[in-house]
Protein backbone atom coordinates (compact mmCIF):
# COMPACT_ATOMS: atom_id res chain seq x y z
CA MET A 1 161.45 97.29 82.84
CA ASP A 2 161.36 96.12 79.23
CA LEU A 3 160.13 98.41 76.47
CA TYR A 4 157.66 96.96 73.95
CA PRO A 5 157.27 99.21 70.90
CA ALA A 6 153.95 98.36 69.29
CA ILE A 7 152.85 97.53 65.76
CA ASP A 8 149.06 97.52 65.42
CA LEU A 9 147.93 95.87 62.19
CA LEU A 10 144.79 96.86 60.29
CA ASP A 11 144.46 95.61 56.71
CA GLY A 12 148.17 94.79 56.77
CA ARG A 13 149.26 98.33 57.62
CA CYS A 14 150.76 99.90 60.76
CA VAL A 15 148.10 102.02 62.44
CA ARG A 16 147.14 103.47 65.80
CA LEU A 17 143.62 103.83 67.09
CA TYR A 18 142.44 106.64 69.37
CA GLN A 19 140.92 105.17 72.54
CA GLY A 20 140.37 101.90 70.69
CA ASP A 21 138.03 103.49 68.14
CA TYR A 22 138.31 101.82 64.73
CA ASP A 23 136.80 104.94 63.16
CA GLN A 24 139.68 107.04 64.51
CA SER A 25 142.71 105.30 63.04
CA THR A 26 145.95 106.85 61.80
CA VAL A 27 148.11 104.96 59.30
CA TYR A 28 151.83 105.16 60.01
CA GLY A 29 153.25 102.79 57.44
CA ASP A 30 152.68 100.06 54.87
CA ASP A 31 155.68 97.85 55.77
CA PRO A 32 155.26 96.33 59.23
CA VAL A 33 158.34 94.13 58.85
CA ALA A 34 160.57 97.13 58.11
CA GLN A 35 159.06 98.91 61.11
CA ALA A 36 159.75 95.95 63.38
CA LEU A 37 163.35 95.75 62.16
CA ALA A 38 163.76 99.46 62.87
CA PHE A 39 162.54 98.94 66.43
CA GLN A 40 164.97 96.07 66.86
CA SER A 41 167.87 98.14 65.49
CA GLU A 42 167.19 100.77 68.16
CA GLY A 43 167.56 98.23 70.94
CA ALA A 44 163.98 97.14 71.64
CA PRO A 45 164.12 93.90 73.67
CA TRP A 46 160.64 92.93 72.46
CA VAL A 47 158.20 93.98 69.74
CA HIS A 48 154.47 93.95 70.53
CA VAL A 49 152.15 93.19 67.60
CA VAL A 50 148.35 93.39 67.62
CA ASP A 51 146.06 92.07 64.88
CA LEU A 52 143.27 94.64 65.10
CA ASP A 53 141.22 92.94 62.40
CA ALA A 54 141.27 89.68 64.35
CA ALA A 55 140.52 91.46 67.62
CA ARG A 56 137.31 92.77 66.13
CA THR A 57 136.18 89.68 64.18
CA GLY A 58 138.14 86.70 65.48
CA GLU A 59 139.44 86.06 61.93
CA PRO A 60 143.27 86.16 61.69
CA ARG A 61 143.54 88.37 58.63
CA ASN A 62 147.08 89.51 59.47
CA ARG A 63 148.59 86.19 60.58
CA ASP A 64 150.97 86.08 57.60
CA VAL A 65 152.21 89.55 58.49
CA VAL A 66 152.72 88.55 62.12
CA ALA A 67 154.65 85.49 60.96
CA ALA A 68 156.81 87.62 58.66
CA ILE A 69 157.63 89.96 61.54
CA ALA A 70 158.52 87.10 63.86
CA GLY A 71 160.66 85.48 61.17
CA ALA A 72 162.59 88.67 60.47
CA LEU A 73 163.51 89.53 64.05
CA ASP A 74 166.10 88.24 66.48
CA VAL A 75 164.20 89.67 69.47
CA PRO A 76 160.96 88.00 70.60
CA VAL A 77 157.54 89.06 69.41
CA GLN A 78 154.58 89.33 71.75
CA THR A 79 151.30 89.25 69.85
CA GLY A 80 147.58 89.33 70.48
CA GLY A 81 144.28 90.21 68.89
CA GLY A 82 141.50 87.72 68.32
CA VAL A 83 143.34 84.70 69.75
CA ARG A 84 140.31 82.78 71.02
CA THR A 85 141.11 79.13 70.28
CA ALA A 86 143.98 76.75 70.93
CA GLU A 87 144.41 76.41 67.17
CA ALA A 88 144.87 80.17 66.73
CA ALA A 89 147.45 80.30 69.51
CA GLU A 90 149.32 77.24 68.27
CA ALA A 91 149.49 78.73 64.75
CA LEU A 92 151.16 81.84 66.14
CA PHE A 93 153.67 79.86 68.18
CA ALA A 94 154.42 77.74 65.10
CA ALA A 95 155.06 80.99 63.21
CA GLY A 96 157.77 81.91 65.71
CA VAL A 97 155.91 84.22 68.09
CA GLY A 98 157.51 84.35 71.52
CA ARG A 99 154.43 85.11 73.63
CA VAL A 100 150.71 85.20 72.86
CA VAL A 101 148.28 87.58 74.58
CA LEU A 102 144.73 86.39 75.23
CA GLY A 103 142.09 88.97 76.08
CA THR A 104 138.54 87.98 75.16
CA ALA A 105 139.44 84.32 75.72
CA ALA A 106 140.55 85.16 79.25
CA LEU A 107 136.96 86.19 79.98
CA GLU A 108 135.14 83.55 77.96
CA ASP A 109 137.38 80.48 78.27
CA PRO A 110 139.68 80.62 81.31
CA ASP A 111 140.47 76.92 80.96
CA LEU A 112 141.94 77.59 77.51
CA VAL A 113 144.30 80.16 78.99
CA ARG A 114 145.42 77.74 81.69
CA ARG A 115 145.96 74.89 79.21
CA LEU A 116 147.99 77.07 76.89
CA ALA A 117 150.00 78.57 79.75
CA ALA A 118 151.04 75.07 80.81
CA GLU A 119 152.71 74.59 77.42
CA HIS A 120 153.63 78.04 76.11
CA PRO A 121 154.48 81.62 77.16
CA VAL A 122 151.06 83.27 77.49
CA ALA A 123 149.94 86.67 78.75
CA VAL A 124 146.46 87.79 79.72
CA GLY A 125 145.28 91.08 78.24
CA LEU A 126 143.23 93.18 80.64
CA ASP A 127 141.84 96.05 78.56
CA ALA A 128 139.73 98.26 80.79
CA ARG A 129 137.53 101.31 80.73
CA GLY A 130 137.89 102.35 84.35
CA ALA A 131 137.40 99.13 86.32
CA GLU A 132 135.48 97.20 83.63
CA VAL A 133 137.35 94.92 81.24
CA ALA A 134 136.32 95.22 77.58
CA VAL A 135 136.31 92.39 75.02
CA ARG A 136 136.09 91.76 71.25
CA GLY A 137 138.43 94.49 70.12
CA TRP A 138 137.33 96.73 73.01
CA LEU A 139 133.90 97.00 71.40
CA GLU A 140 131.95 95.33 74.21
CA GLY A 141 131.94 95.59 77.99
CA SER A 142 132.28 92.34 79.93
CA GLY A 143 130.97 93.35 83.36
CA ALA A 144 134.17 91.90 84.85
CA ASP A 145 136.43 93.91 87.16
CA VAL A 146 140.08 94.28 86.20
CA LEU A 147 141.36 93.57 89.72
CA ASP A 148 139.17 90.49 90.10
CA LEU A 149 140.59 89.09 86.88
CA ALA A 150 144.15 89.93 87.87
CA VAL A 151 143.66 87.90 91.04
CA ALA A 152 141.85 85.09 89.20
CA TYR A 153 144.89 84.46 87.00
CA GLN A 154 147.39 84.58 89.86
CA ASP A 155 147.85 80.79 89.87
CA ALA A 156 147.34 80.15 86.15
CA GLY A 157 151.01 80.05 85.16
CA VAL A 158 150.74 83.01 82.81
CA ASP A 159 153.84 85.05 82.00
CA ALA A 160 152.29 88.46 82.45
CA LEU A 161 149.21 90.66 82.59
CA VAL A 162 149.08 93.29 79.83
CA VAL A 163 147.04 96.09 81.38
CA THR A 164 145.57 98.81 79.13
CA GLU A 165 143.48 101.79 80.17
CA ILE A 166 141.45 102.24 76.99
CA SER A 167 140.56 105.87 77.65
CA ARG A 168 144.26 106.76 77.50
CA ASP A 169 145.33 104.52 74.63
CA GLY A 170 146.56 106.54 71.67
CA THR A 171 146.01 109.86 73.48
CA LEU A 172 149.60 110.66 74.62
CA ALA A 173 147.91 111.89 77.85
CA GLY A 174 150.07 109.85 80.21
CA PRO A 175 149.65 106.38 81.70
CA ASP A 176 147.15 105.44 84.40
CA LEU A 177 149.65 105.19 87.25
CA ASP A 178 146.99 104.80 89.94
CA GLY A 179 145.25 101.96 88.13
CA LEU A 180 148.52 100.21 87.41
CA SER A 181 149.53 100.55 91.06
CA ARG A 182 146.32 98.81 92.10
CA VAL A 183 146.99 95.90 89.75
CA LEU A 184 150.59 95.60 90.94
CA ALA A 185 149.45 95.45 94.54
CA ALA A 186 146.71 92.90 93.82
CA THR A 187 148.78 90.15 92.20
CA THR A 188 152.26 88.64 91.97
CA VAL A 189 151.99 88.13 88.19
CA PRO A 190 154.33 90.41 86.21
CA VAL A 191 152.50 93.46 84.83
CA ILE A 192 153.08 95.14 81.46
CA ALA A 193 151.59 98.63 81.16
CA SER A 194 149.89 99.88 78.01
CA GLY A 195 148.17 103.12 77.06
CA GLY A 196 148.91 106.82 77.30
CA ILE A 197 152.69 107.13 77.04
CA GLY A 198 153.43 110.50 75.48
CA THR A 199 156.85 111.56 76.76
CA LEU A 200 160.08 110.13 78.10
CA ASP A 201 158.98 111.34 81.52
CA ASP A 202 156.01 108.98 81.20
CA VAL A 203 158.41 106.12 80.49
CA ARG A 204 160.50 107.09 83.52
CA ALA A 205 157.39 107.30 85.69
CA LEU A 206 156.44 103.76 84.71
CA ALA A 207 159.99 102.52 85.26
CA SER A 208 160.00 103.92 88.79
CA LEU A 209 156.44 102.89 89.71
CA THR A 210 156.18 100.47 92.62
CA ALA A 211 153.31 99.09 94.64
CA GLY A 212 153.24 96.27 97.16
CA GLY A 213 157.00 96.04 96.84
CA ARG A 214 156.71 95.30 93.11
CA ALA A 215 157.59 97.12 89.90
CA LEU A 216 156.34 96.87 86.34
CA SER A 217 157.96 94.28 84.11
CA GLY A 218 157.31 96.19 80.89
CA ALA A 219 155.63 99.07 79.08
CA ILE A 220 154.12 99.23 75.59
CA THR A 221 154.53 102.39 73.56
CA GLY A 222 153.05 103.25 70.19
CA ARG A 223 151.89 106.62 68.95
CA ALA A 224 154.57 108.63 70.77
CA VAL A 225 157.31 106.80 68.85
CA TYR A 226 155.53 107.06 65.50
CA GLU A 227 155.00 110.80 65.94
CA GLY A 228 158.59 111.49 67.04
CA ALA A 229 158.02 112.40 70.69
CA PHE A 230 161.05 110.23 71.45
CA THR A 231 162.97 107.37 69.87
CA VAL A 232 162.87 103.75 70.89
CA ALA A 233 166.56 104.01 71.76
CA ASP A 234 165.87 106.91 74.12
CA ALA A 235 162.96 105.07 75.72
CA VAL A 236 165.02 101.91 76.20
CA ALA A 237 167.68 104.01 77.91
CA ALA A 238 165.02 105.52 80.18
CA THR A 239 164.01 102.05 81.37
CA ALA A 240 167.52 100.81 82.07
CA ASP A 241 168.18 102.22 85.52
CA ARG A 242 166.49 99.62 87.70
CA PRO A 243 166.19 95.84 87.92
CA VAL A 244 163.37 94.15 86.03
CA ASP A 245 160.49 92.51 87.90
CA GLY A 246 160.20 90.36 84.85
CA ALA A 247 157.97 88.08 82.91
CA ARG A 248 159.51 84.83 81.73
CA SER A 249 161.36 85.34 78.46
């Protein structure tokens, strides 16, 4: 299982939101590139970057920052947030991003996801409150069921499903193991878990989680690292004891 330390960008700064609430943000740094390099130096195989401004508005206010991160790193960058057109995705790939995550577009324009996945490494972001997937920076419900969407993208050629339980994101309360198990069992697409990691035991629980004979391909961690619950190096070590059921690199 690969570890994806996260950099969430709001007005060019590294922040974390509590349960996706833009009014409950904590700033952790003003130099996202330095933060990404620090993650890389600790052995992170990927860095996950989210443009929170773009997720909310669709306008890529932090694209230059994302490009600077991708240009500075030797490890690949996975990025999402407000990627709702082919032009937005192509601009990120041209900037050196290794994989683009589409969330709202996966609900509103499935054909776009399929077209991009035929040419580039693409992941689908399934951000859910319970069973319902949220869109537009998690501000709106979609009425769509997370398992239905996981199945719908089974044959789309996407690299991975990035599955977030919004109620746990930024809380350090532990990941939604039951919900992740249901997604694993429902699809053969690699699954990357996001939301709730607070301890190394949480990382180990995700690394050992199986359902339907499958394991997670990755896990995204954010606040726990920024607040010193564990280091990226320790978390990478905690994921290293079993084979990866992996997304295409």
